[in-house]
Amino acid sequence: MPTILVICTANQCRSPMAEALLRKHLADAGYADWRVESAGTQARNGIPATDKSVQVMREYGLDISQHRSREVTAEMLARADLVLTMTSGHKEALLVEFAEARDKTFMLSEMSGFPVEIADPVGQSLERYRETARDIDMFIRNGLSAIIEHAKGHAQ
């Protein structure tokens, strides 16, 4: 069973939303047994997802209220078959510290063939959170076949 790790900065907004959305899309595609996790490049362990992230995911019918932030570790990266980041900065930061993850680390948007940064909505309006969630959802939907292919290709 492949494991996909989604990365952002604090693991309180983008990556928890992406984790929940990716898990849903994988389940809808028949891959409900796949593991999807998230972490942050600069996360403090144990912080809940932001209230606005929880609210926006609730609008998608998803519950991330029990999410707690985690700082990315070498062990997480080692067990991941695919690592998806929100920005090129996240990707670069990971690869500087964990070069061994190079072949399995991509920006989420790269999976859809349209590599762009997914902006951090922290401290902004609820509508900005909704826009971020729509972007994440679009990149997952458009890149789902590539996500599945890459994860299967590295499955241990």
Protein backbone atom coordinates (compact mmCIF):
# COMPACT_ATOMS: atom_id res chain seq x y z
CA MET A 1 0.00 0.00 0.00
CA PRO A 2 1.66 3.26 -1.11
CA THR A 3 2.17 6.20 1.21
CA ILE A 4 1.91 9.82 0.05
CA LEU A 5 3.29 12.65 2.19
CA VAL A 6 2.00 16.20 1.65
CA ILE A 7 4.21 19.08 2.81
CA CYS A 8 3.69 22.78 3.54
CA THR A 9 5.28 25.14 6.06
CA ALA A 10 3.48 24.86 9.42
CA ASN A 11 1.21 21.88 8.61
CA GLN A 12 -1.87 23.81 9.74
CA CYS A 13 -3.52 25.05 6.50
CA ARG A 14 -2.51 23.81 3.06
CA SER A 15 -1.11 20.36 3.74
CA PRO A 16 -3.94 19.24 6.07
CA MET A 17 -6.48 20.38 3.47
CA ALA A 18 -4.49 18.64 0.71
CA GLU A 19 -4.19 15.49 2.83
CA ALA A 20 -7.96 15.31 3.31
CA LEU A 21 -8.78 16.13 -0.32
CA LEU A 22 -6.22 13.67 -1.68
CA ARG A 23 -7.47 10.91 0.61
CA LYS A 24 -11.02 11.55 -0.68
CA HIS A 25 -10.01 11.54 -4.35
CA LEU A 26 -7.92 8.38 -3.92
CA ALA A 27 -10.82 6.63 -2.18
CA ASP A 28 -13.19 7.70 -4.96
CA ALA A 29 -10.73 6.20 -7.47
CA GLY A 30 -10.60 2.86 -5.61
CA TYR A 31 -7.46 3.48 -3.54
CA ALA A 32 -9.03 3.91 -0.10
CA ASP A 33 -6.33 1.70 1.45
CA TRP A 34 -3.50 4.08 0.50
CA ARG A 35 -1.91 6.06 3.31
CA VAL A 36 -1.91 9.87 3.02
CA GLU A 37 -0.04 11.92 5.62
CA SER A 38 1.05 15.53 5.99
CA ALA A 39 3.82 17.45 7.71
CA GLY A 40 5.53 20.83 7.64
CA THR A 41 9.03 22.03 6.92
CA GLN A 42 8.85 24.43 9.88
CA ALA A 43 6.03 22.90 11.89
CA ARG A 44 5.73 22.77 15.64
CA ASN A 45 4.34 19.39 16.64
CA GLY A 46 0.80 19.13 17.99
CA ILE A 47 -0.85 22.35 16.75
CA PRO A 48 -4.42 21.98 15.37
CA ALA A 49 -5.36 22.94 11.84
CA THR A 50 -6.52 26.53 11.64
CA ASP A 51 -10.20 27.17 12.29
CA LYS A 52 -10.66 28.41 8.73
CA SER A 53 -9.05 25.28 7.29
CA VAL A 54 -11.38 23.13 9.38
CA GLN A 55 -14.38 25.20 8.26
CA VAL A 56 -13.48 25.06 4.56
CA MET A 57 -12.90 21.30 4.67
CA ARG A 58 -16.25 20.90 6.43
CA GLU A 59 -17.77 22.63 3.37
CA TYR A 60 -16.24 19.78 1.30
CA GLY A 61 -17.74 17.23 3.68
CA LEU A 62 -14.33 16.46 5.21
CA ASP A 63 -13.35 16.59 8.87
CA ILE A 64 -9.82 17.73 9.75
CA SER A 65 -10.70 18.87 13.27
CA GLN A 66 -8.51 16.16 14.82
CA HIS A 67 -5.45 17.06 12.73
CA ARG A 68 -2.29 17.96 14.66
CA SER A 69 0.78 19.44 13.01
CA ARG A 70 4.02 17.50 12.62
CA GLU A 71 7.49 18.53 11.57
CA VAL A 72 8.74 16.48 8.64
CA THR A 73 11.34 13.86 9.59
CA ALA A 74 13.73 11.58 7.75
CA GLU A 75 11.58 8.62 8.82
CA MET A 76 8.44 10.13 7.26
CA LEU A 77 10.28 10.75 4.01
CA ALA A 78 11.79 7.26 4.01
CA ARG A 79 8.38 5.58 4.28
CA ALA A 80 6.75 7.87 1.70
CA ASP A 81 6.49 6.64 -1.86
CA LEU A 82 5.62 10.13 -3.09
CA VAL A 83 6.18 13.55 -1.49
CA LEU A 84 4.05 16.48 -2.65
CA THR A 85 4.90 20.06 -1.67
CA MET A 86 2.90 23.25 -1.93
CA THR A 87 5.78 25.40 -3.23
CA SER A 88 9.16 25.14 -4.89
CA GLY A 89 10.65 26.50 -1.65
CA HIS A 90 9.28 23.54 0.30
CA LYS A 91 10.66 21.17 -2.32
CA GLU A 92 14.09 22.83 -2.27
CA ALA A 93 14.21 22.86 1.54
CA LEU A 94 13.44 19.14 1.69
CA LEU A 95 16.00 18.24 -0.93
CA VAL A 96 18.75 20.26 0.73
CA GLU A 97 18.29 18.31 3.94
CA PHE A 98 17.05 15.00 2.50
CA ALA A 99 18.69 14.55 -0.91
CA GLU A 100 17.72 10.88 -0.92
CA ALA A 101 14.08 11.94 -1.51
CA ARG A 102 14.92 13.68 -4.80
CA ASP A 103 13.32 11.12 -7.14
CA LYS A 104 10.01 11.09 -5.31
CA THR A 105 9.52 14.76 -4.38
CA PHE A 106 7.40 17.08 -6.52
CA MET A 107 5.27 20.16 -6.14
CA LEU A 108 1.61 19.11 -6.05
CA SER A 109 0.91 21.32 -9.06
CA GLU A 110 3.64 19.53 -11.06
CA MET A 111 1.46 16.43 -11.07
CA SER A 112 -1.04 18.27 -13.28
CA GLY A 113 1.72 19.55 -15.57
CA PHE A 114 1.27 23.14 -14.43
CA PRO A 115 3.95 23.91 -11.81
CA VAL A 116 2.83 26.90 -9.76
CA GLU A 117 3.11 27.88 -6.12
CA ILE A 118 0.10 27.28 -3.88
CA ALA A 119 -0.02 30.39 -1.69
CA ASP A 120 -0.38 30.19 2.07
CA PRO A 121 -3.75 31.59 3.21
CA VAL A 122 -2.75 31.88 6.89
CA GLY A 123 -3.97 35.12 8.45
CA GLN A 124 -6.20 35.90 5.49
CA SER A 125 -9.94 35.81 4.85
CA LEU A 126 -12.16 32.76 4.76
CA GLU A 127 -12.60 33.37 1.04
CA ARG A 128 -8.82 33.14 0.56
CA TYR A 129 -8.88 29.77 2.33
CA ARG A 130 -11.66 28.67 -0.02
CA GLU A 131 -9.57 29.77 -3.03
CA THR A 132 -6.59 27.80 -1.73
CA ALA A 133 -8.77 24.72 -1.20
CA ARG A 134 -10.18 25.07 -4.73
CA ASP A 135 -6.65 25.31 -6.13
CA ILE A 136 -5.49 22.26 -4.18
CA ASP A 137 -8.58 20.30 -5.22
CA MET A 138 -8.08 21.25 -8.88
CA PHE A 139 -4.41 20.21 -8.86
CA ILE A 140 -5.30 16.90 -7.22
CA ARG A 141 -8.13 16.19 -9.66
CA ASN A 142 -6.08 17.16 -12.71
CA GLY A 143 -2.98 15.32 -11.51
CA LEU A 144 -4.56 12.27 -9.90
CA SER A 145 -3.44 9.78 -12.55
CA ALA A 146 0.15 11.06 -12.31
CA ILE A 147 -0.02 10.97 -8.50
CA ILE A 148 -1.18 7.34 -8.61
CA GLU A 149 1.44 6.39 -11.22
CA HIS A 150 4.32 8.00 -9.29
CA ALA A 151 3.25 6.52 -5.96
CA LYS A 152 2.89 3.04 -7.45
CA GLY A 153 6.26 3.42 -9.17
CA HIS A 154 8.03 4.00 -5.86
CA ALA A 155 5.92 1.69 -3.68
CA GLN A 156 8.12 -0.33 -1.38
